[in-house]
Amino acid sequence: MVAPSPLDPERFGFESQIRECYGRCAYTHKTHEKMAEALSLRQARGKWANIIVSALVTIGAVGVVFDKGSIFAKYATALLSVSSLILNAFFKNMDPGALAQRHREAASDIWNIREAYLSLLTDIFDASIPLEQLRSRRDKLQASLHKIYHGAPHTNGKAYGKAQNALKNNEDLMFSERELDLMLPDSLRRGGRPIAAPASAATNAVAEAENDTR
């Protein structure tokens, strides 16, 4: 693969800033995803806990009705009834499912900004695109990101740690050339595709060929 041309100092500084923005977006996106996963798991566990407690309360109530339960069973049933009430009140006020959905929506919005930063990084190496135009795109992305952050729910350190592990150790955003080829149709695969030589090298080759024929 032909390496991109070196950047002038001004574009290099701009690229450094966009790289930082891309990295922060990638972490924030993954953190919101991990928050959504944790909240969905909490909701599922809470539902199962409520089902189990409700079943035990029903069993205890049946025993009390038929006067077959001991004093201990009666107290246990009363305690389980209170526990069930607390669980219902907790999930009604907290609603982990709705909060998880908000995190998913935030992650989706941030994903779009992250991909836009990636496109901007690619376009920095295109000398035909003025730097002022690139800066204008950066400013618009920053304004859009500010709106997303303003309405996004808060995350915590545990979710950030999971995001860090996913990005650094599991390389969630990284694909090998072979992995990408397997996901693309044959016409778009790079395997075995010859790589074009730089324009300067091609020009030199033509010139050498012309000299040989003279």
Protein backbone atom coordinates (compact mmCIF):
# COMPACT_ATOMS: atom_id res chain seq x y z
CA MET A 1 0.00 0.00 0.00
CA VAL A 2 1.31 3.43 -0.93
CA ALA A 3 1.87 5.59 2.15
CA PRO A 4 0.11 9.00 2.16
CA SER A 5 2.22 12.02 1.32
CA PRO A 6 3.84 13.87 4.24
CA LEU A 7 1.79 16.75 5.60
CA ASP A 8 2.95 20.32 5.93
CA PRO A 9 3.24 21.57 9.56
CA GLU A 10 -0.17 23.29 9.49
CA ARG A 11 -2.01 20.22 8.21
CA PHE A 12 -0.03 17.99 10.55
CA GLY A 13 -1.23 20.01 13.56
CA PHE A 14 -4.79 19.86 12.26
CA GLU A 15 -4.50 16.09 11.78
CA SER A 16 -3.24 15.69 15.36
CA GLN A 17 -6.32 17.49 16.70
CA ILE A 18 -8.73 15.40 14.60
CA ARG A 19 -7.01 12.20 15.70
CA GLU A 20 -7.66 13.20 19.31
CA CYS A 21 -11.30 13.99 18.51
CA TYR A 22 -11.72 10.65 16.79
CA GLY A 23 -10.19 8.81 19.75
CA ARG A 24 -12.47 10.54 22.27
CA CYS A 25 -15.51 9.78 20.11
CA ALA A 26 -14.53 6.13 19.84
CA TYR A 27 -14.23 5.83 23.63
CA THR A 28 -17.48 7.69 24.31
CA HIS A 29 -19.38 5.60 21.77
CA LYS A 30 -18.12 2.35 23.25
CA THR A 31 -18.76 3.54 26.82
CA HIS A 32 -22.42 4.26 26.03
CA GLU A 33 -22.71 0.82 24.45
CA LYS A 34 -21.33 -0.80 27.61
CA MET A 35 -23.72 1.25 29.77
CA ALA A 36 -26.65 0.05 27.65
CA GLU A 37 -25.50 -3.57 28.01
CA ALA A 38 -25.15 -3.28 31.79
CA LEU A 39 -28.56 -1.65 32.22
CA SER A 40 -30.25 -4.26 30.01
CA LEU A 41 -28.66 -7.00 32.10
CA ARG A 42 -29.82 -5.28 35.30
CA GLN A 43 -33.36 -5.06 33.93
CA ALA A 44 -33.39 -8.76 32.99
CA ARG A 45 -32.08 -9.80 36.41
CA GLY A 46 -34.61 -7.55 38.13
CA LYS A 47 -37.47 -9.08 36.19
CA TRP A 48 -36.39 -12.62 37.07
CA ALA A 49 -35.91 -11.65 40.73
CA ASN A 50 -39.40 -10.15 40.79
CA ILE A 51 -40.89 -13.27 39.19
CA ILE A 52 -39.20 -15.53 41.73
CA VAL A 53 -40.20 -13.38 44.71
CA SER A 54 -43.80 -13.14 43.44
CA ALA A 55 -43.96 -16.93 43.06
CA LEU A 56 -42.67 -17.43 46.61
CA VAL A 57 -45.20 -14.90 47.94
CA THR A 58 -47.99 -16.78 46.14
CA ILE A 59 -46.88 -20.10 47.59
CA GLY A 60 -46.70 -18.61 51.08
CA ALA A 61 -50.12 -16.97 50.69
CA VAL A 62 -51.68 -20.28 49.65
CA GLY A 63 -50.22 -21.91 52.73
CA VAL A 64 -51.58 -19.17 54.98
CA VAL A 65 -55.06 -19.42 53.41
CA PHE A 66 -55.26 -23.13 54.08
CA ASP A 67 -53.63 -22.68 57.49
CA LYS A 68 -50.81 -25.07 56.59
CA GLY A 69 -47.92 -22.71 57.06
CA SER A 70 -45.85 -22.30 60.18
CA ILE A 71 -45.26 -18.98 61.93
CA PHE A 72 -41.90 -18.76 60.21
CA ALA A 73 -43.55 -19.25 56.79
CA LYS A 74 -46.04 -16.47 57.56
CA TYR A 75 -43.29 -14.04 58.52
CA ALA A 76 -41.25 -15.09 55.48
CA THR A 77 -44.25 -14.47 53.23
CA ALA A 78 -44.76 -11.02 54.70
CA LEU A 79 -41.06 -10.22 54.23
CA LEU A 80 -41.15 -11.43 50.63
CA SER A 81 -44.24 -9.29 49.99
CA VAL A 82 -42.37 -6.22 51.20
CA SER A 83 -39.35 -7.18 49.04
CA SER A 84 -41.59 -7.52 46.00
CA LEU A 85 -43.07 -4.09 46.69
CA ILE A 86 -39.59 -2.56 46.96
CA LEU A 87 -38.45 -4.22 43.71
CA ASN A 88 -41.49 -2.94 41.85
CA ALA A 89 -41.03 0.58 43.19
CA PHE A 90 -37.31 0.56 42.33
CA PHE A 91 -37.78 -0.54 38.72
CA LYS A 92 -40.73 1.80 38.27
CA ASN A 93 -38.65 4.81 39.33
CA MET A 94 -35.31 3.80 37.78
CA ASP A 95 -36.58 2.03 34.62
CA PRO A 96 -33.22 0.55 33.48
CA GLY A 97 -34.78 -0.42 30.15
CA ALA A 98 -35.64 3.16 29.21
CA LEU A 99 -32.23 4.38 30.37
CA ALA A 100 -30.51 1.66 28.33
CA GLN A 101 -32.41 2.84 25.27
CA ARG A 102 -31.18 6.40 25.83
CA HIS A 103 -27.60 5.12 25.96
CA ARG A 104 -28.15 3.19 22.71
CA GLU A 105 -29.48 6.33 21.02
CA ALA A 106 -26.51 8.36 22.26
CA ALA A 107 -24.10 5.67 21.02
CA SER A 108 -25.79 5.69 17.61
CA ASP A 109 -25.50 9.48 17.31
CA ILE A 110 -21.85 9.47 18.44
CA TRP A 111 -21.06 6.66 16.00
CA ASN A 112 -22.12 8.93 13.15
CA ILE A 113 -19.82 11.70 14.38
CA ARG A 114 -16.97 9.21 14.86
CA GLU A 115 -17.26 8.06 11.24
CA ALA A 116 -17.38 11.68 10.07
CA TYR A 117 -14.10 12.35 11.92
CA LEU A 118 -12.60 9.30 10.20
CA SER A 119 -13.63 10.67 6.80
CA LEU A 120 -12.14 14.02 7.76
CA LEU A 121 -8.85 12.35 8.68
CA THR A 122 -8.74 10.74 5.24
CA ASP A 123 -9.49 14.01 3.46
CA ILE A 124 -6.66 15.84 5.23
CA PHE A 125 -4.20 14.09 2.90
CA ASP A 126 -6.04 15.38 -0.16
CA ALA A 127 -4.12 18.54 -1.04
CA SER A 128 -6.91 19.67 -3.36
CA ILE A 129 -9.22 20.25 -0.36
CA PRO A 130 -8.44 23.63 1.25
CA LEU A 131 -7.58 23.58 4.93
CA GLU A 132 -10.25 26.20 5.61
CA GLN A 133 -12.89 23.84 4.26
CA LEU A 134 -11.61 21.07 6.51
CA ARG A 135 -11.69 23.42 9.50
CA SER A 136 -15.29 24.35 8.71
CA ARG A 137 -16.23 20.65 8.73
CA ARG A 138 -14.43 20.24 12.07
CA ASP A 139 -16.35 23.13 13.62
CA LYS A 140 -19.70 21.73 12.45
CA LEU A 141 -18.84 18.31 13.88
CA GLN A 142 -17.87 19.89 17.19
CA ALA A 143 -21.21 21.76 17.36
CA SER A 144 -23.15 18.58 16.57
CA LEU A 145 -21.20 16.62 19.17
CA HIS A 146 -21.91 19.27 21.80
CA LYS A 147 -25.66 18.87 21.24
CA ILE A 148 -25.38 15.08 21.57
CA TYR A 149 -23.35 15.30 24.79
CA HIS A 150 -25.78 17.85 26.24
CA GLY A 151 -28.70 15.42 26.02
CA ALA A 152 -26.85 12.15 26.58
CA PRO A 153 -27.20 10.27 29.91
CA HIS A 154 -24.21 10.04 32.24
CA THR A 155 -21.81 7.11 32.14
CA ASN A 156 -19.66 5.65 34.92
CA GLY A 157 -16.11 4.46 35.43
CA LYS A 158 -17.01 0.79 35.21
CA ALA A 159 -18.46 1.21 31.72
CA TYR A 160 -15.42 3.26 30.69
CA GLY A 161 -13.11 0.48 31.92
CA LYS A 162 -15.03 -2.08 29.83
CA ALA A 163 -14.85 0.22 26.81
CA GLN A 164 -11.11 0.64 27.30
CA ASN A 165 -10.63 -3.12 27.45
CA ALA A 166 -12.75 -3.63 24.32
CA LEU A 167 -10.84 -1.01 22.30
CA LYS A 168 -7.30 -1.66 23.54
CA ASN A 169 -7.23 -5.42 24.16
CA ASN A 170 -10.04 -6.81 22.01
CA GLU A 171 -9.45 -4.30 19.17
CA ASP A 172 -13.17 -3.86 18.55
CA LEU A 173 -12.61 -1.21 15.87
CA MET A 174 -9.77 -3.01 14.06
CA PHE A 175 -10.03 -5.40 11.12
CA SER A 176 -7.32 -7.19 9.16
CA GLU A 177 -7.32 -6.97 5.35
CA ARG A 178 -8.49 -10.59 5.19
CA GLU A 179 -11.40 -9.95 7.58
CA LEU A 180 -12.54 -6.98 5.49
CA ASP A 181 -12.24 -9.01 2.28
CA LEU A 182 -14.47 -11.73 3.71
CA MET A 183 -17.19 -9.15 4.46
CA LEU A 184 -17.06 -7.56 0.98
CA PRO A 185 -18.23 -8.89 -2.40
CA ASP A 186 -15.57 -10.30 -4.75
CA SER A 187 -15.50 -7.15 -6.87
CA LEU A 188 -14.43 -5.02 -3.87
CA ARG A 189 -11.87 -7.34 -2.31
CA ARG A 190 -8.20 -6.31 -2.15
CA GLY A 191 -6.72 -9.82 -2.04
CA GLY A 192 -4.55 -10.25 -5.09
CA ARG A 193 -5.43 -6.79 -6.45
CA PRO A 194 -2.33 -5.01 -7.78
CA ILE A 195 -1.54 -1.68 -6.14
CA ALA A 196 -1.06 1.29 -8.44
CA ALA A 197 2.37 2.87 -8.38
CA PRO A 198 2.74 6.55 -7.44
CA ALA A 199 2.37 8.98 -10.32
CA SER A 200 6.05 9.98 -10.15
CA ALA A 201 7.19 6.37 -10.37
CA ALA A 202 4.87 5.71 -13.30
CA THR A 203 6.19 8.79 -15.11
CA ASN A 204 9.78 7.66 -14.57
CA ALA A 205 8.96 4.20 -15.89
CA VAL A 206 7.45 5.67 -19.07
CA ALA A 207 10.45 7.90 -19.55
CA GLU A 208 12.87 4.99 -19.14
CA ALA A 209 10.90 2.93 -21.64
CA GLU A 210 11.03 5.75 -24.18
CA ASN A 211 14.80 6.08 -23.69
CA ASP A 212 15.26 2.35 -24.28
CA THR A 213 13.42 2.50 -27.59
CA ARG A 214 15.59 5.36 -28.88
